Amino acid sequence: MPELFAYTDGACSGNPGPGGWGVLLRAMDGDKVVKERELSGGEAETTNNRMELLAAITALETLERPSKITVVTDSAYVKNGVTGWIHGWKKNGWKTSNKKPVKNVELWQRLDEAQRRHDVTWKWVKGHAGHPENERADELARAGMAPFKPGKTKA
């Protein structure tokens, strides 16, 4: 049975500003790529953290059936949030430890729901450090952002 990986990234020009997200989905049999799919999108006015979350959400929501998957992100915000902070937030009614509303709560709730269907392993990698799949996810995120950057006309 192939092993599934999702390499995710978000990008933003200004924070907030135009942003994009990218996902490289890969099914692997040992060192051999069995299947690959690339996804990207963006928004005119957003933040880097929102794009990082949307990349992870899209990766998980795209899977048609419950799957065992490793999600690889260069966002400590996403990895720490989904593997640690989210448990306290849910217990506190989606409030932080200092009783403030969780930022991007609707995306965190969507990510929580999306990962519930799957057996997810979360892995962090250093961004812009030559990791080929992370670099590809970054290219996809930038491509998703491109139509929303100033000076670009939509076709």
C-alpha atoms as a PDB file:
ATOM      1  CA  MET A   1       0.000   0.000   0.000  1.00  0.00           C
ATOM      2  CA  PRO A   2       1.504   3.366  -1.007  1.00  0.00           C
ATOM      3  CA  GLU A   3       2.451   5.853   1.698  1.00  0.00           C
ATOM      4  CA  LEU A   4       0.750   9.263   1.421  1.00  0.00           C
ATOM      5  CA  PHE A   5       2.484  12.602   1.955  1.00  0.00           C
ATOM      6  CA  ALA A   6       1.197  16.172   1.698  1.00  0.00           C
ATOM      7  CA  TYR A   7       3.772  18.935   1.466  1.00  0.00           C
ATOM      8  CA  THR A   8       2.055  22.231   2.260  1.00  0.00           C
ATOM      9  CA  ASP A   9       3.034  25.888   2.209  1.00  0.00           C
ATOM     10  CA  GLY A  10       1.547  29.345   2.369  1.00  0.00           C
ATOM     11  CA  ALA A  11       2.843  32.647   1.011  1.00  0.00           C
ATOM     12  CA  CYS A  12       1.852  36.257   1.458  1.00  0.00           C
ATOM     13  CA  SER A  13       3.016  39.529  -0.092  1.00  0.00           C
ATOM     14  CA  GLY A  14       2.624  41.889   2.829  1.00  0.00           C
ATOM     15  CA  ASN A  15       0.958  40.527   5.930  1.00  0.00           C
ATOM     16  CA  PRO A  16      -1.928  41.144   5.384  1.00  0.00           C
ATOM     17  CA  GLY A  17      -1.895  41.302   1.622  1.00  0.00           C
ATOM     18  CA  PRO A  18      -2.366  39.030  -1.373  1.00  0.00           C
ATOM     19  CA  GLY A  19      -1.607  35.431  -0.473  1.00  0.00           C
ATOM     20  CA  GLY A  20      -1.488  31.909  -1.809  1.00  0.00           C
ATOM     21  CA  TRP A  21      -1.310  28.327  -0.668  1.00  0.00           C
ATOM     22  CA  GLY A  22       0.202  25.253  -2.296  1.00  0.00           C
ATOM     23  CA  VAL A  23       0.003  21.497  -1.793  1.00  0.00           C
ATOM     24  CA  LEU A  24       2.073  18.709  -3.285  1.00  0.00           C
ATOM     25  CA  LEU A  25       0.250  15.415  -2.643  1.00  0.00           C
ATOM     26  CA  ARG A  26       2.353  12.328  -3.217  1.00  0.00           C
ATOM     27  CA  ALA A  27       1.749   8.594  -2.955  1.00  0.00           C
ATOM     28  CA  MET A  28       5.038   6.744  -2.489  1.00  0.00           C
ATOM     29  CA  ASP A  29       6.007   3.090  -2.779  1.00  0.00           C
ATOM     30  CA  GLY A  30       9.380   3.123  -1.054  1.00  0.00           C
ATOM     31  CA  ASP A  31      11.440   5.677  -3.002  1.00  0.00           C
ATOM     32  CA  LYS A  32       9.172   5.547  -6.044  1.00  0.00           C
ATOM     33  CA  VAL A  33       6.481   8.167  -6.691  1.00  0.00           C
ATOM     34  CA  VAL A  34       3.297   6.251  -7.579  1.00  0.00           C
ATOM     35  CA  LYS A  35       0.968   9.234  -7.973  1.00  0.00           C
ATOM     36  CA  GLU A  36       1.301  12.986  -7.601  1.00  0.00           C
ATOM     37  CA  ARG A  37      -1.147  15.869  -7.528  1.00  0.00           C
ATOM     38  CA  GLU A  38      -0.522  19.606  -7.161  1.00  0.00           C
ATOM     39  CA  LEU A  39      -3.048  22.075  -5.769  1.00  0.00           C
ATOM     40  CA  SER A  40      -2.917  25.835  -5.270  1.00  0.00           C
ATOM     41  CA  GLY A  41      -5.105  28.833  -4.663  1.00  0.00           C
ATOM     42  CA  GLY A  42      -5.086  32.250  -3.125  1.00  0.00           C
ATOM     43  CA  GLU A  43      -6.913  35.286  -1.826  1.00  0.00           C
ATOM     44  CA  ALA A  44      -6.643  39.017  -2.428  1.00  0.00           C
ATOM     45  CA  GLU A  45      -6.385  40.043   1.236  1.00  0.00           C
ATOM     46  CA  THR A  46      -5.110  37.533   3.758  1.00  0.00           C
ATOM     47  CA  THR A  47      -2.231  36.587   6.048  1.00  0.00           C
ATOM     48  CA  ASN A  48       0.583  34.082   5.826  1.00  0.00           C
ATOM     49  CA  ASN A  49      -0.843  32.060   8.727  1.00  0.00           C
ATOM     50  CA  ARG A  50      -4.244  31.793   7.025  1.00  0.00           C
ATOM     51  CA  MET A  51      -2.581  30.543   3.835  1.00  0.00           C
ATOM     52  CA  GLU A  52      -0.516  27.975   5.776  1.00  0.00           C
ATOM     53  CA  LEU A  53      -3.719  26.707   7.414  1.00  0.00           C
ATOM     54  CA  LEU A  54      -5.622  26.600   4.114  1.00  0.00           C
ATOM     55  CA  ALA A  55      -2.856  24.539   2.512  1.00  0.00           C
ATOM     56  CA  ALA A  56      -3.095  21.910   5.267  1.00  0.00           C
ATOM     57  CA  ILE A  57      -6.903  21.962   5.230  1.00  0.00           C
ATOM     58  CA  THR A  58      -7.041  21.555   1.453  1.00  0.00           C
ATOM     59  CA  ALA A  59      -4.574  18.665   1.539  1.00  0.00           C
ATOM     60  CA  LEU A  60      -6.768  16.751   3.999  1.00  0.00           C
ATOM     61  CA  GLU A  61     -10.144  17.738   2.506  1.00  0.00           C
ATOM     62  CA  THR A  62      -8.995  16.621  -0.962  1.00  0.00           C
ATOM     63  CA  LEU A  63      -8.593  13.006   0.154  1.00  0.00           C
ATOM     64  CA  GLU A  64     -11.744  11.135  -0.850  1.00  0.00           C
ATOM     65  CA  ARG A  65     -11.492   8.404   1.767  1.00  0.00           C
ATOM     66  CA  PRO A  66     -10.027   8.145   5.274  1.00  0.00           C
ATOM     67  CA  SER A  67      -6.268   7.805   4.851  1.00  0.00           C
ATOM     68  CA  LYS A  68      -3.011   7.455   6.728  1.00  0.00           C
ATOM     69  CA  ILE A  69      -1.005  10.541   5.711  1.00  0.00           C
ATOM     70  CA  THR A  70       2.046  12.530   6.737  1.00  0.00           C
ATOM     71  CA  VAL A  71       1.548  16.285   6.401  1.00  0.00           C
ATOM     72  CA  VAL A  72       4.855  18.111   6.030  1.00  0.00           C
ATOM     73  CA  THR A  73       4.774  21.849   6.756  1.00  0.00           C
ATOM     74  CA  ASP A  74       7.352  24.570   7.305  1.00  0.00           C
ATOM     75  CA  SER A  75       4.870  26.394   9.546  1.00  0.00           C
ATOM     76  CA  ALA A  76       5.539  25.983  13.263  1.00  0.00           C
ATOM     77  CA  TYR A  77       2.221  27.828  13.755  1.00  0.00           C
ATOM     78  CA  VAL A  78       0.295  25.045  11.994  1.00  0.00           C
ATOM     79  CA  LYS A  79       2.267  22.135  13.441  1.00  0.00           C
ATOM     80  CA  ASN A  80       2.286  23.425  17.027  1.00  0.00           C
ATOM     81  CA  GLY A  81      -1.327  24.550  16.784  1.00  0.00           C
ATOM     82  CA  VAL A  82      -2.739  21.272  15.481  1.00  0.00           C
ATOM     83  CA  THR A  83      -0.604  18.960  17.643  1.00  0.00           C
ATOM     84  CA  GLY A  84      -0.689  20.969  20.876  1.00  0.00           C
ATOM     85  CA  TRP A  85      -2.508  24.257  21.309  1.00  0.00           C
ATOM     86  CA  ILE A  86      -5.787  23.111  19.738  1.00  0.00           C
ATOM     87  CA  HIS A  87      -6.558  20.759  22.648  1.00  0.00           C
ATOM     88  CA  GLY A  88      -6.558  23.631  25.160  1.00  0.00           C
ATOM     89  CA  TRP A  89      -8.449  25.913  22.795  1.00  0.00           C
ATOM     90  CA  LYS A  90     -11.235  23.379  22.396  1.00  0.00           C
ATOM     91  CA  LYS A  91     -11.392  22.796  26.161  1.00  0.00           C
ATOM     92  CA  ASN A  92     -11.567  26.587  26.714  1.00  0.00           C
ATOM     93  CA  GLY A  93     -14.329  27.153  24.135  1.00  0.00           C
ATOM     94  CA  TRP A  94     -11.867  28.272  21.430  1.00  0.00           C
ATOM     95  CA  LYS A  95     -10.162  30.803  23.683  1.00  0.00           C
ATOM     96  CA  THR A  96      -6.419  31.101  24.308  1.00  0.00           C
ATOM     97  CA  SER A  97      -4.868  30.554  27.729  1.00  0.00           C
ATOM     98  CA  ASN A  98      -5.305  34.301  28.395  1.00  0.00           C
ATOM     99  CA  LYS A  99      -9.025  34.053  27.498  1.00  0.00           C
ATOM    100  CA  LYS A 100      -8.668  35.816  24.136  1.00  0.00           C
ATOM    101  CA  PRO A 101     -10.487  34.444  21.061  1.00  0.00           C
ATOM    102  CA  VAL A 102      -8.290  32.146  18.950  1.00  0.00           C
ATOM    103  CA  LYS A 103      -7.160  33.885  15.755  1.00  0.00           C
ATOM    104  CA  ASN A 104      -8.340  32.178  12.555  1.00  0.00           C
ATOM    105  CA  VAL A 105     -10.752  30.088  14.626  1.00  0.00           C
ATOM    106  CA  GLU A 106     -12.901  29.085  11.645  1.00  0.00           C
ATOM    107  CA  LEU A 107      -9.832  27.666   9.884  1.00  0.00           C
ATOM    108  CA  TRP A 108      -8.614  25.849  13.009  1.00  0.00           C
ATOM    109  CA  GLN A 109     -12.080  24.302  13.383  1.00  0.00           C
ATOM    110  CA  ARG A 110     -12.070  23.280   9.736  1.00  0.00           C
ATOM    111  CA  LEU A 111      -8.579  21.750  10.100  1.00  0.00           C
ATOM    112  CA  ASP A 112      -9.674  19.918  13.251  1.00  0.00           C
ATOM    113  CA  GLU A 113     -12.659  18.483  11.377  1.00  0.00           C
ATOM    114  CA  ALA A 114     -10.581  17.575   8.290  1.00  0.00           C
ATOM    115  CA  GLN A 115      -7.922  15.735  10.284  1.00  0.00           C
ATOM    116  CA  ARG A 116     -10.500  13.824  12.322  1.00  0.00           C
ATOM    117  CA  ARG A 117     -11.265  11.655   9.250  1.00  0.00           C
ATOM    118  CA  HIS A 118      -7.635  10.615   8.797  1.00  0.00           C
ATOM    119  CA  ASP A 119      -4.660   9.113  10.601  1.00  0.00           C
ATOM    120  CA  VAL A 120      -2.374  12.150  10.351  1.00  0.00           C
ATOM    121  CA  THR A 121       1.277  12.465  11.270  1.00  0.00           C
ATOM    122  CA  TRP A 122       2.465  16.079  11.352  1.00  0.00           C
ATOM    123  CA  LYS A 123       6.067  16.866  10.441  1.00  0.00           C
ATOM    124  CA  TRP A 124       7.842  20.232  10.452  1.00  0.00           C
ATOM    125  CA  VAL A 125      10.686  21.081   8.071  1.00  0.00           C
ATOM    126  CA  LYS A 126      12.744  24.250   7.859  1.00  0.00           C
ATOM    127  CA  GLY A 127      11.439  26.436   5.038  1.00  0.00           C
ATOM    128  CA  HIS A 128      13.644  27.714   2.220  1.00  0.00           C
ATOM    129  CA  ALA A 129      16.340  25.217   3.158  1.00  0.00           C
ATOM    130  CA  GLY A 130      16.502  23.229  -0.057  1.00  0.00           C
ATOM    131  CA  HIS A 131      13.909  20.550   0.843  1.00  0.00           C
ATOM    132  CA  PRO A 132      12.711  19.734  -2.737  1.00  0.00           C
ATOM    133  CA  GLU A 133       9.059  18.995  -1.891  1.00  0.00           C
ATOM    134  CA  ASN A 134       8.790  22.000   0.420  1.00  0.00           C
ATOM    135  CA  GLU A 135      10.323  24.183  -2.287  1.00  0.00           C
ATOM    136  CA  ARG A 136       7.716  22.872  -4.765  1.00  0.00           C
ATOM    137  CA  ALA A 137       4.890  23.604  -2.299  1.00  0.00           C
ATOM    138  CA  ASP A 138       6.322  27.138  -1.976  1.00  0.00           C
ATOM    139  CA  GLU A 139       6.305  27.553  -5.785  1.00  0.00           C
ATOM    140  CA  LEU A 140       2.673  26.409  -5.857  1.00  0.00           C
ATOM    141  CA  ALA A 141       1.766  28.872  -3.075  1.00  0.00           C
ATOM    142  CA  ARG A 142       3.415  31.710  -4.990  1.00  0.00           C
ATOM    143  CA  ALA A 143       1.563  30.664  -8.148  1.00  0.00           C
ATOM    144  CA  GLY A 144      -1.697  30.707  -6.149  1.00  0.00           C
ATOM    145  CA  MET A 145      -0.915  34.221  -4.959  1.00  0.00           C
ATOM    146  CA  ALA A 146       0.140  35.587  -8.384  1.00  0.00           C
ATOM    147  CA  PRO A 147      -3.337  36.511  -9.727  1.00  0.00           C
ATOM    148  CA  PHE A 148      -3.998  38.639  -6.626  1.00  0.00           C
ATOM    149  CA  LYS A 149      -0.777  40.657  -6.635  1.00  0.00           C
ATOM    150  CA  PRO A 150      -1.109  44.357  -7.565  1.00  0.00           C
ATOM    151  CA  GLY A 151      -0.588  45.061 -11.241  1.00  0.00           C
ATOM    152  CA  LYS A 152      -1.889  41.651 -12.303  1.00  0.00           C
ATOM    153  CA  THR A 153      -5.009  41.576 -14.413  1.00  0.00           C
ATOM    154  CA  LYS A 154      -7.275  38.599 -14.145  1.00  0.00           C
ATOM    155  CA  ALA A 155      -7.899  36.793 -17.431  1.00  0.00           C
END
